[in-house]
N, C-alpha and C. Protein backbone atom coordinates (compact mmCIF):
# COMPACT_ATOMS: atom_id res chain seq x y z
N MET A 1 36.90 -2.10 -23.36
CA MET A 1 35.49 -2.29 -23.00
C MET A 1 35.04 -1.15 -22.09
N ASN A 2 33.89 -0.60 -22.38
CA ASN A 2 33.36 0.49 -21.57
C ASN A 2 32.89 -0.02 -20.22
N SER A 3 33.10 0.77 -19.18
CA SER A 3 32.60 0.43 -17.87
C SER A 3 31.10 0.69 -17.82
N ILE A 4 30.44 0.09 -16.82
CA ILE A 4 28.99 0.30 -16.71
C ILE A 4 28.67 1.77 -16.49
N LYS A 5 29.53 2.48 -15.77
CA LYS A 5 29.29 3.90 -15.53
C LYS A 5 29.35 4.69 -16.83
N GLU A 6 30.28 4.33 -17.70
CA GLU A 6 30.38 5.01 -18.99
C GLU A 6 29.16 4.72 -19.86
N ILE A 7 28.71 3.48 -19.82
CA ILE A 7 27.53 3.10 -20.60
C ILE A 7 26.30 3.84 -20.10
N LEU A 8 26.13 3.88 -18.78
CA LEU A 8 24.97 4.55 -18.21
C LEU A 8 25.01 6.05 -18.47
N GLU A 9 26.19 6.63 -18.46
CA GLU A 9 26.32 8.05 -18.76
C GLU A 9 25.91 8.34 -20.20
N ARG A 10 26.30 7.45 -21.11
CA ARG A 10 25.94 7.63 -22.51
C ARG A 10 24.42 7.49 -22.70
N VAL A 11 23.83 6.49 -22.03
CA VAL A 11 22.38 6.30 -22.12
C VAL A 11 21.65 7.51 -21.55
N ALA A 12 22.11 7.98 -20.39
CA ALA A 12 21.47 9.14 -19.75
C ALA A 12 21.49 10.35 -20.68
N LYS A 13 22.60 10.54 -21.36
CA LYS A 13 22.72 11.68 -22.28
C LYS A 13 21.76 11.53 -23.45
N GLU A 14 21.60 10.31 -23.94
CA GLU A 14 20.73 10.07 -25.09
C GLU A 14 19.25 10.26 -24.76
N VAL A 15 18.85 9.88 -23.55
CA VAL A 15 17.41 9.88 -23.22
C VAL A 15 16.95 11.13 -22.49
N THR A 16 17.88 12.02 -22.13
CA THR A 16 17.50 13.27 -21.48
C THR A 16 17.15 14.31 -22.54
N PRO A 17 15.95 14.87 -22.49
CA PRO A 17 15.54 15.86 -23.50
C PRO A 17 16.48 17.06 -23.55
N LYS A 18 16.76 17.50 -24.78
CA LYS A 18 17.62 18.67 -24.96
C LYS A 18 16.79 19.95 -24.83
N LYS A 19 17.48 21.06 -24.65
CA LYS A 19 16.81 22.33 -24.39
C LYS A 19 15.81 22.69 -25.48
N ASN A 20 16.21 22.56 -26.75
CA ASN A 20 15.30 22.94 -27.83
C ASN A 20 14.08 22.02 -27.89
N GLU A 21 14.27 20.75 -27.53
CA GLU A 21 13.15 19.81 -27.49
C GLU A 21 12.19 20.18 -26.36
N ILE A 22 12.73 20.55 -25.22
CA ILE A 22 11.91 20.95 -24.07
C ILE A 22 11.09 22.19 -24.41
N ILE A 23 11.72 23.17 -25.04
CA ILE A 23 11.03 24.41 -25.40
C ILE A 23 9.88 24.11 -26.35
N LEU A 24 10.13 23.25 -27.34
CA LEU A 24 9.11 22.89 -28.33
C LEU A 24 7.89 22.25 -27.68
N ILE A 25 8.13 21.29 -26.80
CA ILE A 25 7.03 20.57 -26.16
C ILE A 25 6.33 21.46 -25.13
N ASP A 26 7.11 22.23 -24.38
CA ASP A 26 6.52 23.16 -23.40
C ASP A 26 5.53 24.10 -24.07
N ARG A 27 5.93 24.62 -25.22
CA ARG A 27 5.09 25.59 -25.92
C ARG A 27 3.76 24.97 -26.33
N GLU A 28 3.81 23.77 -26.88
CA GLU A 28 2.57 23.14 -27.35
C GLU A 28 1.67 22.73 -26.19
N VAL A 29 2.27 22.18 -25.14
CA VAL A 29 1.48 21.76 -23.97
C VAL A 29 0.84 22.96 -23.29
N SER A 30 1.59 24.04 -23.15
CA SER A 30 1.06 25.25 -22.51
C SER A 30 -0.10 25.82 -23.31
N ASP A 31 0.01 25.79 -24.62
CA ASP A 31 -1.06 26.30 -25.49
C ASP A 31 -2.34 25.48 -25.30
N ILE A 32 -2.20 24.16 -25.25
CA ILE A 32 -3.37 23.30 -25.06
C ILE A 32 -3.98 23.53 -23.69
N ARG A 33 -3.15 23.62 -22.68
CA ARG A 33 -3.66 23.85 -21.33
C ARG A 33 -4.43 25.16 -21.25
N ASN A 34 -3.88 26.22 -21.82
CA ASN A 34 -4.54 27.52 -21.78
C ASN A 34 -5.89 27.49 -22.49
N LYS A 35 -5.96 26.81 -23.61
CA LYS A 35 -7.22 26.72 -24.35
C LYS A 35 -8.26 25.92 -23.58
N LEU A 36 -7.84 24.85 -22.93
CA LEU A 36 -8.77 24.07 -22.12
C LEU A 36 -9.29 24.89 -20.94
N GLU A 37 -8.38 25.62 -20.29
CA GLU A 37 -8.78 26.45 -19.15
C GLU A 37 -9.76 27.55 -19.58
N ASN A 38 -9.51 28.15 -20.74
CA ASN A 38 -10.40 29.19 -21.24
C ASN A 38 -11.78 28.63 -21.57
N GLU A 39 -11.81 27.42 -22.11
CA GLU A 39 -13.09 26.80 -22.46
C GLU A 39 -13.86 26.42 -21.19
N LEU A 40 -13.17 25.97 -20.17
CA LEU A 40 -13.82 25.68 -18.89
C LEU A 40 -14.48 26.93 -18.33
N LYS A 41 -13.77 28.04 -18.40
CA LYS A 41 -14.32 29.31 -17.91
C LYS A 41 -15.53 29.72 -18.73
N ALA A 42 -15.43 29.58 -20.05
CA ALA A 42 -16.53 29.97 -20.92
C ALA A 42 -17.79 29.15 -20.64
N LYS A 43 -17.62 27.89 -20.29
CA LYS A 43 -18.75 27.02 -20.01
C LYS A 43 -19.15 27.04 -18.54
N LYS A 44 -18.39 27.82 -17.74
CA LYS A 44 -18.66 27.92 -16.30
C LYS A 44 -18.66 26.55 -15.62
N ILE A 45 -17.69 25.74 -16.00
CA ILE A 45 -17.50 24.42 -15.38
C ILE A 45 -16.39 24.53 -14.34
N ASP A 46 -16.68 24.09 -13.14
CA ASP A 46 -15.73 24.21 -12.03
C ASP A 46 -14.75 23.04 -12.07
N ALA A 47 -13.67 23.24 -12.80
CA ALA A 47 -12.63 22.21 -12.94
C ALA A 47 -11.30 22.90 -13.23
N LYS A 48 -10.22 22.20 -12.94
CA LYS A 48 -8.90 22.75 -13.22
C LYS A 48 -8.12 21.77 -14.08
N VAL A 49 -7.13 22.29 -14.77
CA VAL A 49 -6.31 21.49 -15.68
C VAL A 49 -4.94 21.28 -15.05
N LEU A 50 -4.55 20.02 -14.94
CA LEU A 50 -3.25 19.68 -14.34
C LEU A 50 -2.41 18.89 -15.33
N ILE A 51 -1.23 19.39 -15.62
CA ILE A 51 -0.28 18.62 -16.43
C ILE A 51 0.32 17.55 -15.53
N ALA A 52 0.32 16.32 -16.01
CA ALA A 52 0.71 15.20 -15.15
C ALA A 52 1.67 14.26 -15.87
N GLY A 53 1.81 13.05 -15.33
CA GLY A 53 2.65 12.03 -15.95
C GLY A 53 4.14 12.36 -15.90
N SER A 54 4.90 11.64 -16.70
CA SER A 54 6.36 11.80 -16.73
C SER A 54 6.78 13.21 -17.12
N TYR A 55 5.99 13.83 -17.99
CA TYR A 55 6.32 15.18 -18.44
C TYR A 55 6.32 16.16 -17.26
N ALA A 56 5.28 16.08 -16.42
CA ALA A 56 5.17 16.99 -15.28
C ALA A 56 6.27 16.74 -14.25
N LYS A 57 6.68 15.48 -14.14
CA LYS A 57 7.68 15.11 -13.13
C LYS A 57 9.11 15.24 -13.64
N ASN A 58 9.25 15.62 -14.92
CA ASN A 58 10.57 15.74 -15.55
C ASN A 58 11.31 14.41 -15.56
N THR A 59 10.56 13.34 -15.85
CA THR A 59 11.18 12.02 -16.01
C THR A 59 10.90 11.44 -17.39
N TRP A 60 10.44 12.29 -18.31
CA TRP A 60 10.13 11.82 -19.66
C TRP A 60 11.40 11.61 -20.47
N LEU A 61 11.29 10.75 -21.47
CA LEU A 61 12.43 10.39 -22.30
C LEU A 61 12.44 11.22 -23.58
N SER A 62 13.62 11.59 -24.01
CA SER A 62 13.76 12.32 -25.26
C SER A 62 13.10 11.55 -26.40
N LYS A 63 12.39 12.28 -27.25
CA LYS A 63 11.69 11.75 -28.43
C LYS A 63 10.45 10.93 -28.06
N ASN A 64 10.10 10.91 -26.78
CA ASN A 64 8.85 10.27 -26.34
C ASN A 64 7.96 11.37 -25.77
N HIS A 65 7.10 11.91 -26.62
CA HIS A 65 6.34 13.10 -26.25
C HIS A 65 4.90 12.77 -25.86
N ASP A 66 4.75 11.76 -25.01
CA ASP A 66 3.44 11.42 -24.47
C ASP A 66 3.21 12.25 -23.21
N VAL A 67 2.11 12.97 -23.17
CA VAL A 67 1.82 13.86 -22.04
C VAL A 67 0.44 13.54 -21.48
N ASP A 68 0.36 13.39 -20.17
CA ASP A 68 -0.92 13.21 -19.50
C ASP A 68 -1.43 14.56 -19.02
N ILE A 69 -2.70 14.83 -19.28
CA ILE A 69 -3.34 16.03 -18.76
C ILE A 69 -4.60 15.60 -18.02
N PHE A 70 -4.71 16.01 -16.77
CA PHE A 70 -5.90 15.70 -15.97
C PHE A 70 -6.83 16.91 -15.95
N MET A 71 -8.11 16.66 -16.17
CA MET A 71 -9.13 17.68 -15.94
C MET A 71 -9.81 17.29 -14.63
N ILE A 72 -9.51 18.06 -13.58
CA ILE A 72 -9.94 17.70 -12.23
C ILE A 72 -11.22 18.46 -11.87
N PHE A 73 -12.30 17.71 -11.69
CA PHE A 73 -13.62 18.30 -11.47
C PHE A 73 -13.93 18.45 -9.98
N ASN A 74 -14.57 19.56 -9.67
CA ASN A 74 -15.02 19.82 -8.31
C ASN A 74 -15.96 18.71 -7.83
N LYS A 75 -15.97 18.48 -6.54
CA LYS A 75 -16.77 17.39 -5.95
C LYS A 75 -18.26 17.54 -6.23
N LYS A 76 -18.70 18.74 -6.55
CA LYS A 76 -20.13 18.94 -6.80
C LYS A 76 -20.62 18.18 -8.04
N TYR A 77 -19.67 17.70 -8.86
CA TYR A 77 -20.03 16.93 -10.05
C TYR A 77 -19.99 15.42 -9.78
N LYS A 78 -19.95 15.05 -8.52
CA LYS A 78 -19.77 13.65 -8.13
C LYS A 78 -20.81 12.72 -8.76
N GLU A 79 -22.02 13.20 -8.92
CA GLU A 79 -23.09 12.35 -9.46
C GLU A 79 -23.23 12.48 -10.97
N GLU A 80 -22.37 13.26 -11.60
CA GLU A 80 -22.46 13.45 -13.04
C GLU A 80 -21.40 12.62 -13.77
N ASN A 81 -21.59 12.50 -15.07
CA ASN A 81 -20.62 11.80 -15.91
C ASN A 81 -19.53 12.79 -16.30
N ILE A 82 -18.43 12.77 -15.59
CA ILE A 82 -17.39 13.77 -15.84
C ILE A 82 -16.65 13.53 -17.15
N SER A 83 -16.73 12.32 -17.68
CA SER A 83 -16.15 12.07 -19.01
C SER A 83 -16.90 12.88 -20.07
N GLU A 84 -18.22 12.92 -19.95
CA GLU A 84 -19.02 13.70 -20.89
C GLU A 84 -18.79 15.19 -20.71
N LEU A 85 -18.65 15.62 -19.47
CA LEU A 85 -18.34 17.03 -19.21
C LEU A 85 -17.01 17.41 -19.85
N MET A 86 -16.01 16.55 -19.69
CA MET A 86 -14.70 16.81 -20.27
C MET A 86 -14.78 16.88 -21.79
N LEU A 87 -15.52 15.96 -22.38
CA LEU A 87 -15.66 15.94 -23.83
C LEU A 87 -16.32 17.22 -24.34
N SER A 88 -17.30 17.73 -23.59
CA SER A 88 -17.98 18.96 -24.01
C SER A 88 -17.01 20.13 -24.08
N VAL A 89 -15.97 20.08 -23.28
CA VAL A 89 -14.93 21.11 -23.30
C VAL A 89 -13.91 20.82 -24.40
N ALA A 90 -13.42 19.60 -24.42
CA ALA A 90 -12.32 19.24 -25.31
C ALA A 90 -12.68 19.34 -26.79
N LYS A 91 -13.93 19.04 -27.13
CA LYS A 91 -14.31 19.02 -28.55
C LYS A 91 -14.23 20.40 -29.19
N ASN A 92 -14.24 21.46 -28.37
CA ASN A 92 -14.11 22.81 -28.90
C ASN A 92 -12.66 23.28 -28.94
N VAL A 93 -11.76 22.44 -28.45
CA VAL A 93 -10.35 22.81 -28.37
C VAL A 93 -9.47 21.90 -29.22
N LEU A 94 -9.74 20.61 -29.17
CA LEU A 94 -8.87 19.62 -29.81
C LEU A 94 -9.47 19.07 -31.10
N LYS A 95 -8.61 18.73 -32.03
CA LYS A 95 -9.00 18.06 -33.26
C LYS A 95 -8.21 16.74 -33.32
N ASN A 96 -8.67 15.85 -34.18
CA ASN A 96 -7.96 14.57 -34.38
C ASN A 96 -7.78 13.79 -33.08
N TYR A 97 -8.85 13.66 -32.32
CA TYR A 97 -8.76 12.91 -31.07
C TYR A 97 -9.63 11.66 -31.14
N LEU A 98 -9.31 10.73 -30.26
CA LEU A 98 -10.08 9.50 -30.13
C LEU A 98 -10.65 9.44 -28.72
N ILE A 99 -11.82 8.83 -28.59
CA ILE A 99 -12.39 8.56 -27.27
C ILE A 99 -12.09 7.11 -26.93
N LEU A 100 -11.35 6.90 -25.86
CA LEU A 100 -10.97 5.56 -25.44
C LEU A 100 -11.67 5.20 -24.15
N HIS A 101 -11.84 3.91 -23.92
CA HIS A 101 -12.60 3.45 -22.77
C HIS A 101 -11.67 2.87 -21.71
N GLY A 102 -11.86 3.32 -20.49
CA GLY A 102 -11.14 2.79 -19.34
C GLY A 102 -12.10 2.75 -18.18
N THR A 103 -11.59 2.91 -16.98
CA THR A 103 -12.50 3.01 -15.83
C THR A 103 -13.39 4.23 -16.00
N ARG A 104 -12.88 5.24 -16.71
CA ARG A 104 -13.68 6.34 -17.25
C ARG A 104 -13.22 6.58 -18.68
N ASP A 105 -14.14 7.00 -19.54
CA ASP A 105 -13.73 7.34 -20.90
C ASP A 105 -12.77 8.52 -20.85
N TYR A 106 -11.75 8.46 -21.72
CA TYR A 106 -10.79 9.56 -21.79
C TYR A 106 -10.45 9.82 -23.24
N ILE A 107 -9.66 10.85 -23.49
CA ILE A 107 -9.36 11.29 -24.85
C ILE A 107 -7.88 11.11 -25.15
N LYS A 108 -7.61 10.59 -26.34
CA LYS A 108 -6.23 10.56 -26.85
C LYS A 108 -6.18 11.54 -28.01
N TYR A 109 -5.29 12.50 -27.88
CA TYR A 109 -5.18 13.57 -28.87
C TYR A 109 -3.78 13.56 -29.50
N TYR A 110 -3.75 13.67 -30.82
CA TYR A 110 -2.49 13.69 -31.55
C TYR A 110 -2.22 15.11 -32.03
N GLY A 111 -1.30 15.79 -31.36
CA GLY A 111 -0.96 17.15 -31.74
C GLY A 111 0.18 17.18 -32.74
N LYS A 112 0.75 18.36 -32.92
CA LYS A 112 1.83 18.51 -33.89
C LYS A 112 3.08 17.77 -33.45
N ASN A 113 3.42 17.91 -32.17
CA ASN A 113 4.64 17.28 -31.64
C ASN A 113 4.39 16.39 -30.44
N VAL A 114 3.15 16.35 -29.96
CA VAL A 114 2.84 15.61 -28.74
C VAL A 114 1.68 14.65 -28.95
N LYS A 115 1.63 13.66 -28.08
CA LYS A 115 0.47 12.76 -28.00
C LYS A 115 -0.05 12.87 -26.58
N ILE A 116 -1.30 13.27 -26.45
CA ILE A 116 -1.84 13.60 -25.13
C ILE A 116 -2.97 12.68 -24.74
N ASP A 117 -2.93 12.21 -23.50
CA ASP A 117 -4.07 11.55 -22.87
C ASP A 117 -4.74 12.58 -21.97
N LEU A 118 -5.96 12.95 -22.31
CA LEU A 118 -6.73 13.89 -21.49
C LEU A 118 -7.71 13.07 -20.67
N VAL A 119 -7.55 13.12 -19.35
CA VAL A 119 -8.23 12.19 -18.45
C VAL A 119 -9.10 12.96 -17.44
N PRO A 120 -10.38 12.56 -17.28
CA PRO A 120 -11.22 13.20 -16.27
C PRO A 120 -10.94 12.63 -14.88
N VAL A 121 -10.80 13.52 -13.92
CA VAL A 121 -10.47 13.12 -12.55
C VAL A 121 -11.42 13.84 -11.59
N MET A 122 -11.86 13.13 -10.56
CA MET A 122 -12.69 13.75 -9.53
C MET A 122 -11.79 14.25 -8.40
N GLU A 123 -12.01 15.47 -7.98
CA GLU A 123 -11.22 16.05 -6.91
C GLU A 123 -11.47 15.32 -5.59
N ILE A 124 -10.39 14.97 -4.90
CA ILE A 124 -10.48 14.34 -3.58
C ILE A 124 -9.43 14.98 -2.68
N ASN A 125 -9.61 14.85 -1.38
CA ASN A 125 -8.68 15.46 -0.43
C ASN A 125 -7.56 14.52 -0.01
N SER A 126 -7.75 13.23 -0.26
CA SER A 126 -6.76 12.23 0.15
C SER A 126 -6.84 11.03 -0.79
N PRO A 127 -5.71 10.40 -1.11
CA PRO A 127 -5.76 9.21 -1.97
C PRO A 127 -6.67 8.12 -1.42
N SER A 128 -6.80 8.05 -0.11
CA SER A 128 -7.63 7.01 0.50
C SER A 128 -9.11 7.18 0.18
N LEU A 129 -9.49 8.36 -0.31
CA LEU A 129 -10.89 8.64 -0.63
C LEU A 129 -11.22 8.34 -2.09
N ALA A 130 -10.25 7.88 -2.85
CA ALA A 130 -10.47 7.62 -4.27
C ALA A 130 -11.42 6.45 -4.49
N GLU A 131 -12.51 6.70 -5.18
CA GLU A 131 -13.43 5.63 -5.56
C GLU A 131 -13.04 5.05 -6.92
N ASN A 132 -12.28 5.83 -7.67
CA ASN A 132 -11.71 5.39 -8.94
C ASN A 132 -10.20 5.61 -8.82
N SER A 133 -9.42 4.61 -9.18
CA SER A 133 -7.97 4.68 -8.95
C SER A 133 -7.32 5.90 -9.60
N ILE A 134 -7.86 6.35 -10.72
CA ILE A 134 -7.25 7.49 -11.41
C ILE A 134 -7.34 8.76 -10.58
N ASP A 135 -8.31 8.83 -9.66
CA ASP A 135 -8.48 10.04 -8.86
C ASP A 135 -7.32 10.26 -7.89
N ALA A 136 -6.56 9.21 -7.61
CA ALA A 136 -5.39 9.35 -6.73
C ALA A 136 -4.15 9.80 -7.50
N SER A 137 -4.21 9.80 -8.82
CA SER A 137 -3.02 10.08 -9.63
C SER A 137 -2.40 11.45 -9.41
N PRO A 138 -3.18 12.52 -9.19
CA PRO A 138 -2.53 13.81 -8.91
C PRO A 138 -1.61 13.77 -7.69
N PHE A 139 -1.95 12.93 -6.72
CA PHE A 139 -1.09 12.79 -5.54
C PHE A 139 0.22 12.08 -5.91
N HIS A 140 0.16 11.17 -6.88
CA HIS A 140 1.36 10.49 -7.35
C HIS A 140 2.32 11.49 -7.98
N VAL A 141 1.76 12.39 -8.78
CA VAL A 141 2.58 13.42 -9.43
C VAL A 141 3.30 14.26 -8.38
N GLN A 142 2.56 14.69 -7.39
CA GLN A 142 3.13 15.53 -6.34
C GLN A 142 4.20 14.78 -5.53
N TYR A 143 3.92 13.52 -5.23
CA TYR A 143 4.86 12.72 -4.43
C TYR A 143 6.20 12.57 -5.14
N VAL A 144 6.16 12.14 -6.40
CA VAL A 144 7.40 11.92 -7.14
C VAL A 144 8.12 13.25 -7.37
N SER A 145 7.38 14.29 -7.72
CA SER A 145 8.00 15.60 -7.95
C SER A 145 8.73 16.09 -6.70
N ASN A 146 8.12 15.89 -5.55
CA ASN A 146 8.76 16.32 -4.30
C ASN A 146 10.04 15.53 -4.03
N LYS A 147 10.01 14.23 -4.32
CA LYS A 147 11.20 13.40 -4.11
C LYS A 147 12.34 13.84 -5.03
N ILE A 148 12.00 14.20 -6.26
CA ILE A 148 13.03 14.64 -7.20
C ILE A 148 13.59 16.00 -6.79
N LYS A 149 12.75 16.86 -6.24
CA LYS A 149 13.24 18.15 -5.73
C LYS A 149 14.24 17.93 -4.60
N GLU A 150 13.98 16.92 -3.77
CA GLU A 150 14.90 16.60 -2.67
C GLU A 150 16.20 16.01 -3.20
N ARG A 151 16.09 15.19 -4.25
CA ARG A 151 17.27 14.52 -4.83
C ARG A 151 17.19 14.64 -6.35
N PRO A 152 17.65 15.75 -6.93
CA PRO A 152 17.54 15.97 -8.37
C PRO A 152 18.15 14.86 -9.22
N SER A 153 19.15 14.14 -8.69
CA SER A 153 19.80 13.07 -9.46
C SER A 153 18.84 11.93 -9.77
N LEU A 154 17.72 11.85 -9.05
CA LEU A 154 16.75 10.78 -9.30
C LEU A 154 16.19 10.84 -10.72
N ALA A 155 16.04 12.03 -11.27
CA ALA A 155 15.48 12.15 -12.62
C ALA A 155 16.34 11.38 -13.63
N ARG A 156 17.66 11.50 -13.50
CA ARG A 156 18.58 10.77 -14.38
C ARG A 156 18.42 9.27 -14.20
N GLU A 157 18.38 8.80 -12.96
CA GLU A 157 18.28 7.37 -12.69
C GLU A 157 16.95 6.80 -13.19
N ILE A 158 15.89 7.56 -13.03
CA ILE A 158 14.57 7.12 -13.50
C ILE A 158 14.58 6.98 -15.01
N ARG A 159 15.18 7.93 -15.70
CA ARG A 159 15.24 7.85 -17.16
C ARG A 159 16.03 6.62 -17.61
N ILE A 160 17.12 6.35 -16.95
CA ILE A 160 17.92 5.17 -17.32
C ILE A 160 17.11 3.90 -17.13
N LEU A 161 16.40 3.78 -16.00
CA LEU A 161 15.59 2.59 -15.76
C LEU A 161 14.49 2.47 -16.81
N LYS A 162 13.82 3.56 -17.12
CA LYS A 162 12.75 3.50 -18.12
C LYS A 162 13.29 3.04 -19.47
N GLN A 163 14.45 3.55 -19.86
CA GLN A 163 15.04 3.14 -21.13
C GLN A 163 15.43 1.66 -21.10
N PHE A 164 15.95 1.21 -19.98
CA PHE A 164 16.29 -0.20 -19.81
C PHE A 164 15.05 -1.08 -19.97
N LEU A 165 13.95 -0.68 -19.35
CA LEU A 165 12.70 -1.45 -19.44
C LEU A 165 12.15 -1.44 -20.86
N LYS A 166 12.27 -0.29 -21.53
CA LYS A 166 11.81 -0.20 -22.92
C LYS A 166 12.61 -1.16 -23.80
N ALA A 167 13.92 -1.23 -23.56
CA ALA A 167 14.77 -2.12 -24.36
C ALA A 167 14.40 -3.59 -24.16
N GLN A 168 13.89 -3.91 -22.97
CA GLN A 168 13.46 -5.29 -22.69
C GLN A 168 12.00 -5.52 -23.09
N LYS A 169 11.36 -4.45 -23.60
CA LYS A 169 9.95 -4.50 -24.02
C LYS A 169 9.01 -4.81 -22.85
N ILE A 170 9.35 -4.29 -21.68
CA ILE A 170 8.50 -4.50 -20.50
C ILE A 170 8.15 -3.17 -19.83
N TYR A 171 8.25 -2.09 -20.59
CA TYR A 171 7.88 -0.78 -20.03
C TYR A 171 6.44 -0.47 -20.39
N GLY A 172 5.62 -0.29 -19.38
CA GLY A 172 4.21 0.05 -19.60
C GLY A 172 3.29 -0.97 -18.96
N ALA A 173 2.25 -0.46 -18.30
CA ALA A 173 1.31 -1.35 -17.60
C ALA A 173 0.10 -1.70 -18.46
N GLU A 174 0.10 -1.27 -19.72
CA GLU A 174 -1.01 -1.60 -20.60
C GLU A 174 -1.16 -3.11 -20.72
N SER A 175 -2.39 -3.55 -20.95
CA SER A 175 -2.68 -4.99 -20.95
C SER A 175 -1.89 -5.74 -22.02
N TYR A 176 -1.59 -5.07 -23.14
CA TYR A 176 -0.87 -5.76 -24.21
C TYR A 176 0.64 -5.83 -23.93
N ILE A 177 1.10 -5.10 -22.91
CA ILE A 177 2.50 -5.16 -22.49
C ILE A 177 2.63 -5.91 -21.17
N ASN A 178 1.75 -5.56 -20.24
CA ASN A 178 1.74 -6.18 -18.90
C ASN A 178 3.11 -6.06 -18.24
N GLY A 179 3.65 -4.85 -18.33
CA GLY A 179 4.99 -4.62 -17.80
C GLY A 179 4.98 -3.70 -16.59
N ILE A 180 6.03 -2.91 -16.48
CA ILE A 180 6.23 -2.01 -15.34
C ILE A 180 5.87 -0.59 -15.77
N SER A 181 4.99 0.03 -15.03
CA SER A 181 4.51 1.37 -15.38
C SER A 181 5.57 2.43 -15.10
N GLY A 182 5.34 3.61 -15.66
CA GLY A 182 6.24 4.72 -15.39
C GLY A 182 6.28 5.07 -13.91
N TYR A 183 5.11 5.05 -13.26
CA TYR A 183 5.05 5.41 -11.84
C TYR A 183 5.80 4.39 -10.99
N VAL A 184 5.65 3.11 -11.29
CA VAL A 184 6.38 2.09 -10.54
C VAL A 184 7.89 2.25 -10.78
N SER A 185 8.28 2.58 -11.99
CA SER A 185 9.70 2.83 -12.28
C SER A 185 10.24 3.94 -11.40
N GLU A 186 9.44 4.99 -11.25
CA GLU A 186 9.86 6.12 -10.42
C GLU A 186 9.97 5.72 -8.95
N LEU A 187 9.01 4.94 -8.49
CA LEU A 187 9.05 4.49 -7.09
C LEU A 187 10.26 3.59 -6.83
N LEU A 188 10.60 2.75 -7.80
CA LEU A 188 11.77 1.88 -7.64
C LEU A 188 13.05 2.69 -7.47
N MET A 189 13.18 3.75 -8.25
CA MET A 189 14.39 4.57 -8.14
C MET A 189 14.38 5.41 -6.86
N ILE A 190 13.22 5.83 -6.42
CA ILE A 190 13.14 6.54 -5.14
C ILE A 190 13.59 5.60 -4.02
N TYR A 191 13.19 4.35 -4.12
CA TYR A 191 13.51 3.36 -3.08
C TYR A 191 14.99 2.96 -3.11
N TYR A 192 15.49 2.62 -4.29
CA TYR A 192 16.87 2.12 -4.40
C TYR A 192 17.91 3.23 -4.58
N GLY A 193 17.49 4.37 -5.06
CA GLY A 193 18.39 5.51 -5.17
C GLY A 193 19.15 5.63 -6.47
N SER A 194 19.42 4.50 -7.13
CA SER A 194 20.13 4.53 -8.41
C SER A 194 19.84 3.25 -9.19
N PHE A 195 20.06 3.34 -10.49
CA PHE A 195 19.85 2.18 -11.36
C PHE A 195 20.81 1.06 -11.01
N GLU A 196 22.06 1.40 -10.71
CA GLU A 196 23.05 0.37 -10.38
C GLU A 196 22.67 -0.38 -9.10
N ARG A 197 22.21 0.35 -8.09
CA ARG A 197 21.79 -0.30 -6.85
C ARG A 197 20.57 -1.18 -7.08
N PHE A 198 19.71 -0.74 -7.98
CA PHE A 198 18.54 -1.55 -8.34
C PHE A 198 18.97 -2.86 -8.98
N LEU A 199 19.94 -2.81 -9.90
CA LEU A 199 20.44 -4.03 -10.55
C LEU A 199 21.06 -4.97 -9.52
N ASP A 200 21.84 -4.41 -8.61
CA ASP A 200 22.45 -5.23 -7.55
C ASP A 200 21.38 -5.92 -6.72
N ALA A 201 20.31 -5.18 -6.40
CA ALA A 201 19.23 -5.75 -5.59
C ALA A 201 18.50 -6.85 -6.34
N CYS A 202 18.38 -6.70 -7.66
CA CYS A 202 17.67 -7.70 -8.47
C CYS A 202 18.32 -9.07 -8.36
N GLU A 203 19.64 -9.10 -8.21
CA GLU A 203 20.34 -10.38 -8.10
C GLU A 203 19.94 -11.15 -6.85
N GLN A 204 19.50 -10.42 -5.84
CA GLN A 204 19.16 -11.05 -4.56
C GLN A 204 17.65 -11.23 -4.37
N MET A 205 16.87 -10.73 -5.32
CA MET A 205 15.42 -10.72 -5.13
C MET A 205 14.80 -12.11 -5.17
N LYS A 206 13.87 -12.31 -4.25
CA LYS A 206 13.05 -13.52 -4.24
C LYS A 206 11.63 -13.09 -3.88
N PRO A 207 10.64 -13.73 -4.49
CA PRO A 207 9.26 -13.38 -4.11
C PRO A 207 9.05 -13.71 -2.64
N LYS A 208 8.28 -12.92 -1.92
CA LYS A 208 7.64 -11.73 -2.41
C LYS A 208 8.44 -10.52 -2.02
N ILE A 209 8.43 -9.50 -2.90
CA ILE A 209 9.24 -8.31 -2.68
C ILE A 209 8.35 -7.22 -2.10
N ILE A 210 8.79 -6.64 -1.01
CA ILE A 210 8.03 -5.57 -0.36
C ILE A 210 8.83 -4.28 -0.42
N ILE A 211 8.22 -3.26 -0.99
CA ILE A 211 8.86 -1.95 -1.05
C ILE A 211 7.98 -0.97 -0.28
N ASP A 212 8.49 -0.49 0.81
CA ASP A 212 7.74 0.40 1.71
C ASP A 212 8.58 1.66 1.93
N ILE A 213 8.51 2.58 0.98
CA ILE A 213 9.38 3.76 0.99
C ILE A 213 9.19 4.59 2.26
N GLU A 214 7.94 4.81 2.62
CA GLU A 214 7.64 5.69 3.76
C GLU A 214 7.52 4.94 5.08
N LYS A 215 7.82 3.63 5.04
CA LYS A 215 7.81 2.81 6.26
C LYS A 215 6.46 2.87 7.00
N HIS A 216 5.42 2.58 6.24
CA HIS A 216 4.07 2.55 6.82
C HIS A 216 3.85 1.30 7.66
N TYR A 217 4.64 0.26 7.40
CA TYR A 217 4.42 -1.01 8.09
C TYR A 217 5.61 -1.33 8.99
N SER A 218 5.31 -1.90 10.14
CA SER A 218 6.36 -2.17 11.13
C SER A 218 7.17 -3.42 10.78
N ASN A 219 6.57 -4.35 10.01
CA ASN A 219 7.30 -5.54 9.58
C ASN A 219 6.70 -6.06 8.28
N GLU A 220 7.34 -7.06 7.68
CA GLU A 220 6.92 -7.55 6.38
C GLU A 220 5.70 -8.45 6.44
N LYS A 221 5.24 -8.78 7.61
CA LYS A 221 4.04 -9.61 7.74
C LYS A 221 2.77 -8.77 7.67
């Protein structure tokens, strides 16, 4: 019988993208980003393009080529419909896309090898200033990326947890899944340090569970 460490090592190997897969996806994502940036310049729209999500944080799973791209608009567009501004740019760059409705309308694009969510974001200086929850997301990308730079082994543990959640059909915060999001998965591994320690902690868990990575609160009350 295989030990849990052997099983986890096999899973980690299976879900970690291989070099040729990374090159393929990098090339397509970079091409899309460059085209969006060029179109923004042509239209003289003050916005920047940020690659986000699991792909940007290097926690994506092999053969799962979903990529989040944020179009971050300058604060001067605060009173405008930035979803419409984004669409005016994207329609000249992307084909075969859908307009989906959320707290702001966003675009789902099906490329050759990738599936992209292109999301409009308003630039803010601090997550506490977010009037729309998505506007805090760039800070999430930076936070997790910094933690992985400090502890590179976290990327492996995050991938194992995500695959475990997918196998249980509880990966994803979408309403039809109502499960655990990618970002929460990343925070759990930052907090517990490894998938095995997370499993050990689960045996002892009782509601309510408080996870305070940065120790913002002096006690659980």
